[in-house]
Amino acid sequence: MNAGCRPIATRFASGLLSRIEDAGINASAPREQRWVDGWLVRFSPAKAKRARCIQPVAAGRLPVADKLALCLPIYEASGLWPYVRITPFSQPDGLDARLAAAGMVCLDETRVMVAEEIAPGMAPLATAASLRVAAVGPSDFADWIGRERGSSGDERRAHADRIAHSPVPHRGVLAFAGDGSTVGAGQVVVEGDLAGLYDVFTAEGHRRRGVAEGICRHLLELATVAGARVAYLQVDASNDAARWLYRRLGFVDAYSYHYRTPPEG
């Protein structure tokens, strides 16, 4: 485990957390990726950093500086800024400290939260008044949520492509108010007995009305029907409102991750 990036909950077995980390990597897999001496280098033009960063999943054989020298030109050629995703499972050991000593900046601390026991019937849909949730395809999902987040056209198309060609199936939904307007979105990705919640989003002007909770409960119900028994999600460590909601749904902090990136200039 890397110093400064340890699990923050001891109730979970390390084997379960390792499986969740693998599932998260699978769920965010773009077509634009390659291996560099044990590091999974992703360079999708999508907005999400997890689809356009270095995932250092194995120690490999080369020194860290040599690996970076091979990885960074990939981002330059793609017109993307480079990021290294640092988790408790990143390799080689001590990577985070080495990157910090090299001047790479830390940003975007994220918590992985886990609900260890979900079961059919625990997550009824109706929480927000007149909320209706419907399944949508990758293009419609990525286009709506991308517009709400201010993503460019290229970023929205890359998001849709990643969902459509994922090695594990994504089930995306949009939520509609009583007047038919779209008020939220979310996705669930089921891999074996693990379910990941992604892209849970509520439109401006409709927050704190139970929309996100209704979407999450609907996605968890879909997951249990598909055979999932453990759920996980990733949330910005500073997003107190979202973390409060997820704790209400039975999720607790399991581990954290962050990114390292070269300083501007």
C-alpha atoms as a PDB file:
ATOM      1  CA  MET A   1       0.000   0.000   0.000  1.00  0.00           C
ATOM      2  CA  ASN A   2       1.230   3.490  -0.809  1.00  0.00           C
ATOM      3  CA  ALA A   3       2.010   5.822   2.057  1.00  0.00           C
ATOM      4  CA  GLY A   4      -0.588   8.563   2.372  1.00  0.00           C
ATOM      5  CA  CYS A   5      -3.217   6.563   0.469  1.00  0.00           C
ATOM      6  CA  ARG A   6      -4.455   3.922   2.864  1.00  0.00           C
ATOM      7  CA  PRO A   7      -7.895   2.321   3.276  1.00  0.00           C
ATOM      8  CA  ILE A   8      -9.956   4.514   5.603  1.00  0.00           C
ATOM      9  CA  ALA A   9     -12.252   1.765   6.868  1.00  0.00           C
ATOM     10  CA  THR A  10     -10.966  -1.453   8.396  1.00  0.00           C
ATOM     11  CA  ARG A  11     -14.271  -3.362   8.418  1.00  0.00           C
ATOM     12  CA  PHE A  12     -13.799  -4.500   4.808  1.00  0.00           C
ATOM     13  CA  ALA A  13     -11.531  -7.347   3.788  1.00  0.00           C
ATOM     14  CA  SER A  14      -8.669  -6.267   1.541  1.00  0.00           C
ATOM     15  CA  GLY A  15      -9.725  -8.905  -0.991  1.00  0.00           C
ATOM     16  CA  LEU A  16     -13.159  -7.299  -1.366  1.00  0.00           C
ATOM     17  CA  LEU A  17     -11.655  -3.830  -1.797  1.00  0.00           C
ATOM     18  CA  SER A  18      -9.247  -5.159  -4.412  1.00  0.00           C
ATOM     19  CA  ARG A  19     -12.163  -6.682  -6.333  1.00  0.00           C
ATOM     20  CA  ILE A  20     -14.053  -3.385  -6.129  1.00  0.00           C
ATOM     21  CA  GLU A  21     -11.025  -1.523  -7.464  1.00  0.00           C
ATOM     22  CA  ASP A  22     -10.795  -3.966 -10.386  1.00  0.00           C
ATOM     23  CA  ALA A  23     -14.525  -3.581 -11.067  1.00  0.00           C
ATOM     24  CA  GLY A  24     -14.163   0.197 -11.120  1.00  0.00           C
ATOM     25  CA  ILE A  25     -11.323  -0.034 -13.615  1.00  0.00           C
ATOM     26  CA  ASN A  26     -13.395  -2.334 -15.826  1.00  0.00           C
ATOM     27  CA  ALA A  27     -16.451  -0.080 -15.622  1.00  0.00           C
ATOM     28  CA  SER A  28     -14.495   2.959 -16.803  1.00  0.00           C
ATOM     29  CA  ALA A  29     -12.559   1.256 -19.608  1.00  0.00           C
ATOM     30  CA  PRO A  30     -12.305   3.273 -22.847  1.00  0.00           C
ATOM     31  CA  ARG A  31     -11.171   1.872 -26.174  1.00  0.00           C
ATOM     32  CA  GLU A  32      -8.192   4.279 -26.094  1.00  0.00           C
ATOM     33  CA  GLN A  33      -5.797   2.499 -23.747  1.00  0.00           C
ATOM     34  CA  ARG A  34      -2.548   0.584 -23.801  1.00  0.00           C
ATOM     35  CA  TRP A  35      -0.161  -1.159 -21.406  1.00  0.00           C
ATOM     36  CA  VAL A  36       3.226   0.308 -20.510  1.00  0.00           C
ATOM     37  CA  ASP A  37       5.292  -1.987 -18.265  1.00  0.00           C
ATOM     38  CA  GLY A  38       2.462  -2.817 -15.858  1.00  0.00           C
ATOM     39  CA  TRP A  39       0.715   0.552 -16.086  1.00  0.00           C
ATOM     40  CA  LEU A  40      -2.629   0.882 -17.866  1.00  0.00           C
ATOM     41  CA  VAL A  41      -2.459   4.113 -19.855  1.00  0.00           C
ATOM     42  CA  ARG A  42      -5.846   5.552 -20.816  1.00  0.00           C
ATOM     43  CA  PHE A  43      -6.220   8.466 -23.199  1.00  0.00           C
ATOM     44  CA  SER A  44      -9.903   8.870 -24.006  1.00  0.00           C
ATOM     45  CA  PRO A  45     -10.989  12.447 -24.836  1.00  0.00           C
ATOM     46  CA  ALA A  46     -13.886  12.036 -22.376  1.00  0.00           C
ATOM     47  CA  LYS A  47     -14.254  14.407 -19.427  1.00  0.00           C
ATOM     48  CA  ALA A  48     -13.892  11.800 -16.652  1.00  0.00           C
ATOM     49  CA  LYS A  49     -10.276  11.583 -15.467  1.00  0.00           C
ATOM     50  CA  ARG A  50     -10.561   7.854 -14.771  1.00  0.00           C
ATOM     51  CA  ALA A  51     -10.870   7.310 -18.548  1.00  0.00           C
ATOM     52  CA  ARG A  52      -7.847   9.495 -19.406  1.00  0.00           C
ATOM     53  CA  CYS A  53      -5.230   8.739 -16.784  1.00  0.00           C
ATOM     54  CA  ILE A  54      -2.438   6.324 -15.930  1.00  0.00           C
ATOM     55  CA  GLN A  55      -3.657   3.442 -13.782  1.00  0.00           C
ATOM     56  CA  PRO A  56      -0.475   2.047 -12.150  1.00  0.00           C
ATOM     57  CA  VAL A  57      -1.812  -1.425 -11.393  1.00  0.00           C
ATOM     58  CA  ALA A  58       1.433  -3.448 -11.517  1.00  0.00           C
ATOM     59  CA  ALA A  59       5.021  -2.734 -10.537  1.00  0.00           C
ATOM     60  CA  GLY A  60       6.571  -3.765 -13.843  1.00  0.00           C
ATOM     61  CA  ARG A  61      10.324  -3.848 -14.356  1.00  0.00           C
ATOM     62  CA  LEU A  62      11.348  -0.332 -15.343  1.00  0.00           C
ATOM     63  CA  PRO A  63      12.139   2.534 -12.953  1.00  0.00           C
ATOM     64  CA  VAL A  64       9.280   4.984 -12.390  1.00  0.00           C
ATOM     65  CA  ALA A  65      11.068   7.789 -14.264  1.00  0.00           C
ATOM     66  CA  ASP A  66      11.540   5.560 -17.301  1.00  0.00           C
ATOM     67  CA  LYS A  67       7.872   4.571 -17.272  1.00  0.00           C
ATOM     68  CA  LEU A  68       6.780   8.194 -17.124  1.00  0.00           C
ATOM     69  CA  ALA A  69       9.104   8.976 -20.015  1.00  0.00           C
ATOM     70  CA  LEU A  70       7.207   6.390 -22.062  1.00  0.00           C
ATOM     71  CA  CYS A  71       3.719   7.412 -20.890  1.00  0.00           C
ATOM     72  CA  LEU A  72       3.804  11.200 -21.080  1.00  0.00           C
ATOM     73  CA  PRO A  73       4.317  11.419 -24.863  1.00  0.00           C
ATOM     74  CA  ILE A  74       1.080   9.442 -25.320  1.00  0.00           C
ATOM     75  CA  TYR A  75      -0.826  12.304 -23.710  1.00  0.00           C
ATOM     76  CA  GLU A  76       1.067  14.936 -25.637  1.00  0.00           C
ATOM     77  CA  ALA A  77       0.241  13.182 -28.913  1.00  0.00           C
ATOM     78  CA  SER A  78      -3.418  12.912 -27.882  1.00  0.00           C
ATOM     79  CA  GLY A  79      -3.692  16.553 -26.868  1.00  0.00           C
ATOM     80  CA  LEU A  80      -4.560  15.561 -23.281  1.00  0.00           C
ATOM     81  CA  TRP A  81      -3.144  16.635 -19.937  1.00  0.00           C
ATOM     82  CA  PRO A  82      -1.544  13.683 -18.061  1.00  0.00           C
ATOM     83  CA  TYR A  83      -2.816  12.376 -14.728  1.00  0.00           C
ATOM     84  CA  VAL A  84      -1.723   9.437 -12.577  1.00  0.00           C
ATOM     85  CA  ARG A  85      -4.465   7.861 -10.454  1.00  0.00           C
ATOM     86  CA  ILE A  86      -3.131   6.918  -7.009  1.00  0.00           C
ATOM     87  CA  THR A  87      -5.015   4.290  -4.979  1.00  0.00           C
ATOM     88  CA  PRO A  88      -4.041   2.028  -2.067  1.00  0.00           C
ATOM     89  CA  PHE A  89      -3.293  -0.601  -4.730  1.00  0.00           C
ATOM     90  CA  SER A  90      -1.005   1.489  -6.965  1.00  0.00           C
ATOM     91  CA  GLN A  91       2.354  -0.001  -7.870  1.00  0.00           C
ATOM     92  CA  PRO A  92       5.206   0.140  -7.218  1.00  0.00           C
ATOM     93  CA  ASP A  93       4.958   0.735  -3.465  1.00  0.00           C
ATOM     94  CA  GLY A  94       5.760   4.288  -2.519  1.00  0.00           C
ATOM     95  CA  LEU A  95       4.711   5.635  -5.918  1.00  0.00           C
ATOM     96  CA  ASP A  96       2.737   8.549  -4.502  1.00  0.00           C
ATOM     97  CA  ALA A  97       5.713   9.793  -2.473  1.00  0.00           C
ATOM     98  CA  ARG A  98       8.002   9.486  -5.498  1.00  0.00           C
ATOM     99  CA  LEU A  99       5.664  11.500  -7.687  1.00  0.00           C
ATOM    100  CA  ALA A 100       5.288  14.127  -4.983  1.00  0.00           C
ATOM    101  CA  ALA A 101       9.083  14.383  -4.657  1.00  0.00           C
ATOM    102  CA  ALA A 102       9.236  14.872  -8.421  1.00  0.00           C
ATOM    103  CA  GLY A 103       6.950  17.902  -8.106  1.00  0.00           C
ATOM    104  CA  MET A 104       3.706  16.353  -9.294  1.00  0.00           C
ATOM    105  CA  VAL A 105       0.648  18.056  -7.809  1.00  0.00           C
ATOM    106  CA  CYS A 106      -2.071  16.229  -5.830  1.00  0.00           C
ATOM    107  CA  LEU A 107      -5.726  16.908  -6.702  1.00  0.00           C
ATOM    108  CA  ASP A 108      -9.282  15.539  -6.661  1.00  0.00           C
ATOM    109  CA  GLU A 109      -9.395  13.427  -3.520  1.00  0.00           C
ATOM    110  CA  THR A 110     -12.174  10.880  -4.009  1.00  0.00           C
ATOM    111  CA  ARG A 111     -13.808   8.435  -1.615  1.00  0.00           C
ATOM    112  CA  VAL A 112     -14.844   4.951  -2.615  1.00  0.00           C
ATOM    113  CA  MET A 113     -17.911   4.073  -0.550  1.00  0.00           C
ATOM    114  CA  VAL A 114     -19.277   0.553  -0.126  1.00  0.00           C
ATOM    115  CA  ALA A 115     -22.615  -0.940   0.917  1.00  0.00           C
ATOM    116  CA  GLU A 116     -21.728  -4.465   1.964  1.00  0.00           C
ATOM    117  CA  GLU A 117     -25.225  -5.921   1.995  1.00  0.00           C
ATOM    118  CA  ILE A 118     -27.889  -4.957  -0.521  1.00  0.00           C
ATOM    119  CA  ALA A 119     -30.881  -7.221  -1.048  1.00  0.00           C
ATOM    120  CA  PRO A 120     -33.995  -7.316  -3.235  1.00  0.00           C
ATOM    121  CA  GLY A 121     -36.742  -5.096  -1.874  1.00  0.00           C
ATOM    122  CA  MET A 122     -34.435  -2.879   0.207  1.00  0.00           C
ATOM    123  CA  ALA A 123     -34.526  -0.039  -2.324  1.00  0.00           C
ATOM    124  CA  PRO A 124     -38.064   0.990  -3.347  1.00  0.00           C
ATOM    125  CA  LEU A 125     -38.257   3.500  -6.184  1.00  0.00           C
ATOM    126  CA  ALA A 126     -40.709   6.103  -4.933  1.00  0.00           C
ATOM    127  CA  THR A 127     -39.025   8.813  -2.892  1.00  0.00           C
ATOM    128  CA  ALA A 128     -39.473  11.971  -4.952  1.00  0.00           C
ATOM    129  CA  ALA A 129     -43.009  13.069  -5.722  1.00  0.00           C
ATOM    130  CA  SER A 130     -44.051  12.223  -9.296  1.00  0.00           C
ATOM    131  CA  LEU A 131     -40.562  10.948 -10.155  1.00  0.00           C
ATOM    132  CA  ARG A 132     -40.459   8.611 -13.157  1.00  0.00           C
ATOM    133  CA  VAL A 133     -37.290   6.743 -14.111  1.00  0.00           C
ATOM    134  CA  ALA A 134     -36.699   5.218 -17.563  1.00  0.00           C
ATOM    135  CA  ALA A 135     -33.835   3.370 -19.213  1.00  0.00           C
ATOM    136  CA  VAL A 136     -31.992   5.153 -22.039  1.00  0.00           C
ATOM    137  CA  GLY A 137     -29.209   4.261 -24.457  1.00  0.00           C
ATOM    138  CA  PRO A 138     -25.594   5.459 -24.264  1.00  0.00           C
ATOM    139  CA  SER A 139     -25.986   8.390 -26.665  1.00  0.00           C
ATOM    140  CA  ASP A 140     -29.056   9.872 -24.972  1.00  0.00           C
ATOM    141  CA  PHE A 141     -27.555   9.359 -21.526  1.00  0.00           C
ATOM    142  CA  ALA A 142     -24.171  10.877 -22.320  1.00  0.00           C
ATOM    143  CA  ASP A 143     -25.702  13.768 -24.244  1.00  0.00           C
ATOM    144  CA  TRP A 144     -28.062  14.853 -21.454  1.00  0.00           C
ATOM    145  CA  ILE A 145     -25.644  14.539 -18.554  1.00  0.00           C
ATOM    146  CA  GLY A 146     -22.807  16.005 -20.616  1.00  0.00           C
ATOM    147  CA  ARG A 147     -24.826  19.103 -21.453  1.00  0.00           C
ATOM    148  CA  GLU A 148     -25.777  19.522 -17.804  1.00  0.00           C
ATOM    149  CA  ARG A 149     -22.117  19.265 -16.777  1.00  0.00           C
ATOM    150  CA  GLY A 150     -20.881  21.589 -19.495  1.00  0.00           C
ATOM    151  CA  SER A 151     -19.015  18.883 -21.439  1.00  0.00           C
ATOM    152  CA  SER A 152     -17.963  19.614 -24.993  1.00  0.00           C
ATOM    153  CA  GLY A 153     -19.427  17.746 -27.949  1.00  0.00           C
ATOM    154  CA  ASP A 154     -16.275  15.640 -28.245  1.00  0.00           C
ATOM    155  CA  GLU A 155     -16.418  14.776 -24.540  1.00  0.00           C
ATOM    156  CA  ARG A 156     -20.074  13.751 -24.789  1.00  0.00           C
ATOM    157  CA  ARG A 157     -19.392  11.549 -27.816  1.00  0.00           C
ATOM    158  CA  ALA A 158     -16.390   9.946 -26.090  1.00  0.00           C
ATOM    159  CA  HIS A 159     -18.523   9.244 -23.014  1.00  0.00           C
ATOM    160  CA  ALA A 160     -21.211   7.577 -25.130  1.00  0.00           C
ATOM    161  CA  ASP A 161     -18.604   5.514 -26.970  1.00  0.00           C
ATOM    162  CA  ARG A 162     -17.053   4.333 -23.711  1.00  0.00           C
ATOM    163  CA  ILE A 163     -20.437   3.240 -22.355  1.00  0.00           C
ATOM    164  CA  ALA A 164     -21.456   1.509 -25.585  1.00  0.00           C
ATOM    165  CA  HIS A 165     -18.221  -0.479 -25.875  1.00  0.00           C
ATOM    166  CA  SER A 166     -17.586  -1.179 -22.193  1.00  0.00           C
ATOM    167  CA  PRO A 167     -16.345  -4.686 -21.285  1.00  0.00           C
ATOM    168  CA  VAL A 168     -19.099  -4.750 -18.641  1.00  0.00           C
ATOM    169  CA  PRO A 169     -22.667  -3.596 -19.420  1.00  0.00           C
ATOM    170  CA  HIS A 170     -23.890  -0.183 -18.262  1.00  0.00           C
ATOM    171  CA  ARG A 171     -27.556   0.434 -17.521  1.00  0.00           C
ATOM    172  CA  GLY A 172     -28.295   4.144 -17.720  1.00  0.00           C
ATOM    173  CA  VAL A 173     -31.490   5.873 -16.654  1.00  0.00           C
ATOM    174  CA  LEU A 174     -32.954   9.365 -16.830  1.00  0.00           C
ATOM    175  CA  ALA A 175     -35.398  10.676 -14.250  1.00  0.00           C
ATOM    176  CA  PHE A 176     -38.411  12.765 -15.272  1.00  0.00           C
ATOM    177  CA  ALA A 177     -40.567  15.118 -13.222  1.00  0.00           C
ATOM    178  CA  GLY A 178     -44.357  15.137 -13.421  1.00  0.00           C
ATOM    179  CA  ASP A 179     -44.284  17.739 -16.194  1.00  0.00           C
ATOM    180  CA  GLY A 180     -42.038  15.513 -18.326  1.00  0.00           C
ATOM    181  CA  SER A 181     -38.839  17.529 -17.843  1.00  0.00           C
ATOM    182  CA  THR A 182     -35.598  15.604 -17.294  1.00  0.00           C
ATOM    183  CA  VAL A 183     -34.321  16.184 -13.760  1.00  0.00           C
ATOM    184  CA  GLY A 184     -31.614  13.588 -13.177  1.00  0.00           C
ATOM    185  CA  ALA A 185     -29.565  10.647 -14.368  1.00  0.00           C
ATOM    186  CA  GLY A 186     -27.557   7.682 -13.147  1.00  0.00           C
ATOM    187  CA  GLN A 187     -25.962   4.410 -14.204  1.00  0.00           C
ATOM    188  CA  VAL A 188     -25.379   1.020 -12.639  1.00  0.00           C
ATOM    189  CA  VAL A 189     -22.699  -1.463 -13.728  1.00  0.00           C
ATOM    190  CA  VAL A 190     -23.033  -5.047 -12.453  1.00  0.00           C
ATOM    191  CA  GLU A 191     -20.061  -7.409 -12.494  1.00  0.00           C
ATOM    192  CA  GLY A 192     -20.761 -10.670 -10.705  1.00  0.00           C
ATOM    193  CA  ASP A 193     -22.034  -9.845  -7.213  1.00  0.00           C
ATOM    194  CA  LEU A 194     -20.673  -6.268  -7.355  1.00  0.00           C
ATOM    195  CA  ALA A 195     -22.703  -3.248  -8.479  1.00  0.00           C
ATOM    196  CA  GLY A 196     -21.191   0.167  -9.150  1.00  0.00           C
ATOM    197  CA  LEU A 197     -23.258   3.361  -9.200  1.00  0.00           C
ATOM    198  CA  TYR A 198     -21.949   5.985 -11.642  1.00  0.00           C
ATOM    199  CA  ASP A 199     -22.888   9.428 -12.946  1.00  0.00           C
ATOM    200  CA  VAL A 200     -25.643  10.049 -10.407  1.00  0.00           C
ATOM    201  CA  PHE A 201     -26.616  13.629 -11.193  1.00  0.00           C
ATOM    202  CA  THR A 202     -29.495  15.996 -10.443  1.00  0.00           C
ATOM    203  CA  ALA A 203     -30.270  19.013 -12.611  1.00  0.00           C
ATOM    204  CA  GLU A 204     -29.832  22.483 -11.174  1.00  0.00           C
ATOM    205  CA  GLY A 205     -33.069  23.684  -9.604  1.00  0.00           C
ATOM    206  CA  HIS A 206     -34.224  20.169  -8.679  1.00  0.00           C
ATOM    207  CA  ARG A 207     -31.728  19.333  -5.950  1.00  0.00           C
ATOM    208  CA  ARG A 208     -32.625  18.426  -2.369  1.00  0.00           C
ATOM    209  CA  ARG A 209     -35.989  17.107  -3.536  1.00  0.00           C
ATOM    210  CA  GLY A 210     -35.220  13.377  -3.373  1.00  0.00           C
ATOM    211  CA  VAL A 211     -34.325  12.987  -7.043  1.00  0.00           C
ATOM    212  CA  ALA A 212     -30.843  11.517  -6.493  1.00  0.00           C
ATOM    213  CA  GLU A 213     -32.153   9.210  -3.778  1.00  0.00           C
ATOM    214  CA  GLY A 214     -34.911   7.962  -6.050  1.00  0.00           C
ATOM    215  CA  ILE A 215     -32.425   7.293  -8.846  1.00  0.00           C
ATOM    216  CA  CYS A 216     -30.022   5.468  -6.522  1.00  0.00           C
ATOM    217  CA  ARG A 217     -32.749   3.290  -5.061  1.00  0.00           C
ATOM    218  CA  HIS A 218     -33.953   2.398  -8.543  1.00  0.00           C
ATOM    219  CA  LEU A 219     -30.420   1.489  -9.653  1.00  0.00           C
ATOM    220  CA  LEU A 220     -29.850  -0.620  -6.534  1.00  0.00           C
ATOM    221  CA  GLU A 221     -33.079  -2.486  -7.205  1.00  0.00           C
ATOM    222  CA  LEU A 222     -31.914  -3.212 -10.768  1.00  0.00           C
ATOM    223  CA  ALA A 223     -28.600  -4.410  -9.352  1.00  0.00           C
ATOM    224  CA  THR A 224     -30.146  -6.848  -6.879  1.00  0.00           C
ATOM    225  CA  VAL A 225     -32.371  -8.323  -9.575  1.00  0.00           C
ATOM    226  CA  ALA A 226     -29.187  -8.866 -11.632  1.00  0.00           C
ATOM    227  CA  GLY A 227     -27.589 -10.767  -8.741  1.00  0.00           C
ATOM    228  CA  ALA A 228     -25.474  -8.073  -7.067  1.00  0.00           C
ATOM    229  CA  ARG A 229     -25.091  -8.198  -3.293  1.00  0.00           C
ATOM    230  CA  VAL A 230     -22.412  -5.530  -2.695  1.00  0.00           C
ATOM    231  CA  ALA A 231     -22.547  -1.992  -4.062  1.00  0.00           C
ATOM    232  CA  TYR A 232     -19.850   0.650  -4.428  1.00  0.00           C
ATOM    233  CA  LEU A 233     -19.553   4.194  -5.729  1.00  0.00           C
ATOM    234  CA  GLN A 234     -17.001   6.990  -6.068  1.00  0.00           C
ATOM    235  CA  VAL A 235     -17.673  10.495  -4.756  1.00  0.00           C
ATOM    236  CA  ASP A 236     -15.691  13.693  -4.350  1.00  0.00           C
ATOM    237  CA  ALA A 237     -14.404  13.788  -0.769  1.00  0.00           C
ATOM    238  CA  SER A 238     -15.630  17.386  -0.374  1.00  0.00           C
ATOM    239  CA  ASN A 239     -19.183  16.685  -1.612  1.00  0.00           C
ATOM    240  CA  ASP A 240     -20.825  16.575   1.810  1.00  0.00           C
ATOM    241  CA  ALA A 241     -24.391  16.544   0.503  1.00  0.00           C
ATOM    242  CA  ALA A 242     -23.811  13.512  -1.721  1.00  0.00           C
ATOM    243  CA  ARG A 243     -21.881  11.653   0.964  1.00  0.00           C
ATOM    244  CA  TRP A 244     -24.725  12.275   3.432  1.00  0.00           C
ATOM    245  CA  LEU A 245     -27.184  10.755   0.949  1.00  0.00           C
ATOM    246  CA  TYR A 246     -24.998   7.734   0.307  1.00  0.00           C
ATOM    247  CA  ARG A 247     -24.583   7.095   4.038  1.00  0.00           C
ATOM    248  CA  ARG A 248     -28.383   7.238   4.308  1.00  0.00           C
ATOM    249  CA  LEU A 249     -28.508   4.462   1.679  1.00  0.00           C
ATOM    250  CA  GLY A 250     -26.083   2.295   3.682  1.00  0.00           C
ATOM    251  CA  PHE A 251     -22.737   3.216   2.100  1.00  0.00           C
ATOM    252  CA  VAL A 252     -19.655   3.873   4.222  1.00  0.00           C
ATOM    253  CA  ASP A 253     -16.147   5.064   3.349  1.00  0.00           C
ATOM    254  CA  ALA A 254     -13.865   2.208   2.305  1.00  0.00           C
ATOM    255  CA  TYR A 255     -10.778   3.827   0.760  1.00  0.00           C
ATOM    256  CA  SER A 256      -9.684   6.988  -1.003  1.00  0.00           C
ATOM    257  CA  TYR A 257      -7.784   7.847  -4.155  1.00  0.00           C
ATOM    258  CA  HIS A 258      -6.441  10.982  -5.783  1.00  0.00           C
ATOM    259  CA  TYR A 259      -4.544  12.089  -8.864  1.00  0.00           C
ATOM    260  CA  ARG A 260      -1.006  13.363  -9.418  1.00  0.00           C
ATOM    261  CA  THR A 261      -0.288  15.638 -12.343  1.00  0.00           C
ATOM    262  CA  PRO A 262       2.664  17.761 -13.524  1.00  0.00           C
ATOM    263  CA  PRO A 263       2.412  21.404 -12.456  1.00  0.00           C
ATOM    264  CA  GLU A 264       1.157  23.851 -15.067  1.00  0.00           C
ATOM    265  CA  GLY A 265       4.052  25.014 -17.237  1.00  0.00           C
END
